[in-house]
Structure formats: structure tokens, C-alpha cells
Amino acid sequence: KIYVDKLEVALGDFEPALQAAKQGSSEFYLNLQADAAVPYGTVAKVMAIIERTGVNRLSVLTMPGH
């Protein structure tokens, strides 16, 4: 599941949702959290979208023991 501002979005809608959330914010930051069940290809696509939209404050969150 992908969430932008606590709203679930489909992978195909992630980029426009991220752009809309980022617009007008000079202090925009993003937390990325993915568990071991998420295929690497999906994480790579999400990371590419994040880079393409110009997000420069990104935290990657992990869960202990996962």
C-alpha cells in the first residue's frame, strides 16, 4: 500500500499525488517504509518517482527485526 498524506493511492497515482502534496512546501519531507514482503521492483519504482519529483528530504524507515 502506498500512502500520501495518510491517503492510500495506487502506484500509478503516486507521482501526481506526491507532486500535489509537495507543491507550495519549501520544507517538504517524505518517510518511506517498506517491509520484506514488498518486491524490490516496486520499491525501486517508488524511489525513482521520489527522485523524479525532486524530493530531497527522504527518510527510510525500518522496523527492528524485519
N, C-alpha and C. Protein backbone atom coordinates (compact mmCIF):
# COMPACT_ATOMS: atom_id res chain seq x y z
N LYS A 1 0.84 -1.17 0.00
CA LYS A 1 0.00 0.00 0.00
C LYS A 1 0.89 1.24 0.00
N ILE A 2 0.47 2.23 -0.74
CA ILE A 2 1.19 3.49 -0.81
C ILE A 2 0.27 4.58 -0.25
N TYR A 3 0.82 5.39 0.63
CA TYR A 3 0.05 6.47 1.23
C TYR A 3 0.76 7.80 0.99
N VAL A 4 -0.03 8.81 0.67
CA VAL A 4 0.44 10.18 0.58
C VAL A 4 -0.48 10.99 1.47
N ASP A 5 0.08 11.66 2.45
CA ASP A 5 -0.71 12.40 3.44
C ASP A 5 -1.80 11.52 4.06
N LYS A 6 -1.44 10.29 4.38
CA LYS A 6 -2.32 9.32 5.04
C LYS A 6 -3.47 8.83 4.17
N LEU A 7 -3.46 9.16 2.88
CA LEU A 7 -4.46 8.67 1.94
C LEU A 7 -3.83 7.62 1.04
N GLU A 8 -4.48 6.47 0.93
CA GLU A 8 -3.94 5.39 0.09
C GLU A 8 -4.09 5.75 -1.38
N VAL A 9 -3.01 5.55 -2.14
CA VAL A 9 -3.03 5.79 -3.58
C VAL A 9 -2.44 4.58 -4.31
N ALA A 10 -2.87 4.38 -5.54
CA ALA A 10 -2.31 3.31 -6.37
C ALA A 10 -0.93 3.74 -6.86
N LEU A 11 -0.10 2.79 -7.20
CA LEU A 11 1.25 3.10 -7.68
C LEU A 11 1.18 4.05 -8.87
N GLY A 12 0.23 3.85 -9.77
CA GLY A 12 0.09 4.72 -10.94
C GLY A 12 -0.31 6.15 -10.60
N ASP A 13 -0.89 6.34 -9.42
CA ASP A 13 -1.31 7.68 -8.99
C ASP A 13 -0.32 8.31 -8.01
N PHE A 14 0.74 7.59 -7.68
CA PHE A 14 1.68 8.07 -6.67
C PHE A 14 2.38 9.35 -7.09
N GLU A 15 2.88 9.40 -8.32
CA GLU A 15 3.64 10.58 -8.75
C GLU A 15 2.79 11.85 -8.72
N PRO A 16 1.59 11.88 -9.33
CA PRO A 16 0.81 13.11 -9.23
C PRO A 16 0.39 13.45 -7.80
N ALA A 17 0.12 12.45 -6.99
CA ALA A 17 -0.26 12.70 -5.59
C ALA A 17 0.93 13.28 -4.83
N LEU A 18 2.12 12.77 -5.10
CA LEU A 18 3.32 13.29 -4.44
C LEU A 18 3.62 14.72 -4.89
N GLN A 19 3.47 14.98 -6.19
CA GLN A 19 3.68 16.33 -6.70
C GLN A 19 2.69 17.31 -6.06
N ALA A 20 1.45 16.90 -5.93
CA ALA A 20 0.43 17.77 -5.34
C ALA A 20 0.74 18.03 -3.86
N ALA A 21 1.17 17.01 -3.15
CA ALA A 21 1.49 17.16 -1.73
C ALA A 21 2.71 18.06 -1.53
N LYS A 22 3.66 17.97 -2.45
CA LYS A 22 4.90 18.72 -2.35
C LYS A 22 4.73 20.18 -2.76
N GLN A 23 3.79 20.45 -3.63
CA GLN A 23 3.62 21.79 -4.18
C GLN A 23 3.38 22.83 -3.09
N GLY A 24 4.13 23.91 -3.17
CA GLY A 24 3.97 25.01 -2.24
C GLY A 24 4.64 24.81 -0.89
N SER A 25 5.35 23.71 -0.71
CA SER A 25 6.01 23.45 0.56
C SER A 25 7.51 23.53 0.40
N SER A 26 8.13 24.47 1.07
CA SER A 26 9.58 24.57 0.99
C SER A 26 10.26 23.60 1.95
N GLU A 27 9.51 23.06 2.89
CA GLU A 27 10.05 22.13 3.89
C GLU A 27 9.48 20.72 3.74
N PHE A 28 9.17 20.31 2.52
CA PHE A 28 8.56 19.01 2.29
C PHE A 28 9.56 17.89 2.59
N TYR A 29 9.11 16.90 3.31
CA TYR A 29 9.94 15.72 3.55
C TYR A 29 9.06 14.49 3.42
N LEU A 30 9.69 13.37 3.20
CA LEU A 30 8.99 12.13 2.93
C LEU A 30 9.58 11.00 3.76
N ASN A 31 8.73 10.19 4.32
CA ASN A 31 9.14 8.97 5.01
C ASN A 31 8.77 7.79 4.13
N LEU A 32 9.71 6.92 3.85
CA LEU A 32 9.47 5.72 3.06
C LEU A 32 9.63 4.52 3.97
N GLN A 33 8.59 3.70 4.02
CA GLN A 33 8.64 2.50 4.84
C GLN A 33 8.13 1.33 4.01
N ALA A 34 8.92 0.30 3.89
CA ALA A 34 8.54 -0.90 3.15
C ALA A 34 9.05 -2.11 3.92
N ASP A 35 8.21 -3.13 4.02
CA ASP A 35 8.66 -4.32 4.73
C ASP A 35 9.18 -5.35 3.72
N ALA A 36 9.64 -6.48 4.23
CA ALA A 36 10.26 -7.50 3.40
C ALA A 36 9.30 -8.10 2.37
N ALA A 37 8.00 -7.94 2.57
CA ALA A 37 7.02 -8.51 1.64
C ALA A 37 6.88 -7.69 0.36
N VAL A 38 7.39 -6.46 0.36
CA VAL A 38 7.28 -5.60 -0.82
C VAL A 38 8.38 -5.99 -1.81
N PRO A 39 8.00 -6.32 -3.05
CA PRO A 39 9.02 -6.68 -4.03
C PRO A 39 9.99 -5.52 -4.29
N TYR A 40 11.25 -5.87 -4.49
CA TYR A 40 12.28 -4.85 -4.72
C TYR A 40 11.92 -3.96 -5.90
N GLY A 41 11.35 -4.54 -6.94
CA GLY A 41 10.98 -3.76 -8.13
C GLY A 41 10.01 -2.64 -7.80
N THR A 42 9.08 -2.90 -6.91
CA THR A 42 8.11 -1.87 -6.50
C THR A 42 8.82 -0.76 -5.74
N VAL A 43 9.71 -1.13 -4.83
CA VAL A 43 10.47 -0.13 -4.07
C VAL A 43 11.32 0.71 -5.03
N ALA A 44 11.93 0.08 -6.01
CA ALA A 44 12.75 0.80 -6.99
C ALA A 44 11.91 1.79 -7.79
N LYS A 45 10.69 1.39 -8.18
CA LYS A 45 9.80 2.30 -8.91
C LYS A 45 9.43 3.49 -8.05
N VAL A 46 9.11 3.24 -6.80
CA VAL A 46 8.74 4.31 -5.88
C VAL A 46 9.92 5.26 -5.68
N MET A 47 11.12 4.72 -5.50
CA MET A 47 12.31 5.55 -5.33
C MET A 47 12.57 6.41 -6.58
N ALA A 48 12.34 5.85 -7.76
CA ALA A 48 12.53 6.61 -9.00
C ALA A 48 11.53 7.77 -9.08
N ILE A 49 10.30 7.52 -8.68
CA ILE A 49 9.29 8.58 -8.67
C ILE A 49 9.68 9.67 -7.67
N ILE A 50 10.14 9.26 -6.50
CA ILE A 50 10.56 10.23 -5.49
C ILE A 50 11.67 11.12 -6.03
N GLU A 51 12.63 10.51 -6.69
CA GLU A 51 13.74 11.28 -7.27
C GLU A 51 13.25 12.21 -8.38
N ARG A 52 12.37 11.70 -9.24
CA ARG A 52 11.86 12.47 -10.36
C ARG A 52 11.07 13.69 -9.90
N THR A 53 10.36 13.58 -8.79
CA THR A 53 9.56 14.69 -8.30
C THR A 53 10.39 15.71 -7.51
N GLY A 54 11.66 15.44 -7.31
CA GLY A 54 12.55 16.41 -6.68
C GLY A 54 12.51 16.42 -5.17
N VAL A 55 12.05 15.35 -4.56
CA VAL A 55 12.08 15.27 -3.10
C VAL A 55 13.52 15.13 -2.67
N ASN A 56 13.98 16.04 -1.82
CA ASN A 56 15.37 15.97 -1.38
C ASN A 56 15.50 15.72 0.11
N ARG A 57 14.39 15.55 0.80
CA ARG A 57 14.43 15.19 2.23
C ARG A 57 13.64 13.90 2.38
N LEU A 58 14.36 12.80 2.44
CA LEU A 58 13.76 11.47 2.48
C LEU A 58 14.33 10.68 3.65
N SER A 59 13.44 10.09 4.41
CA SER A 59 13.84 9.17 5.48
C SER A 59 13.36 7.78 5.10
N VAL A 60 14.22 6.80 5.24
CA VAL A 60 13.85 5.42 5.00
C VAL A 60 13.72 4.77 6.37
N LEU A 61 12.51 4.29 6.66
CA LEU A 61 12.21 3.73 7.97
C LEU A 61 12.25 2.20 7.91
N THR A 62 12.79 1.59 8.93
CA THR A 62 12.79 0.14 9.04
C THR A 62 12.22 -0.26 10.40
N MET A 63 11.71 -1.46 10.45
CA MET A 63 11.18 -1.99 11.69
C MET A 63 12.20 -2.96 12.27
N PRO A 64 12.55 -2.83 13.54
CA PRO A 64 13.51 -3.76 14.15
C PRO A 64 13.03 -5.21 14.01
N GLY A 65 13.95 -6.05 13.62
CA GLY A 65 13.62 -7.47 13.50
C GLY A 65 12.93 -7.85 12.19
N HIS A 66 12.79 -6.90 11.28
CA HIS A 66 12.14 -7.21 9.99
C HIS A 66 13.10 -7.05 8.85
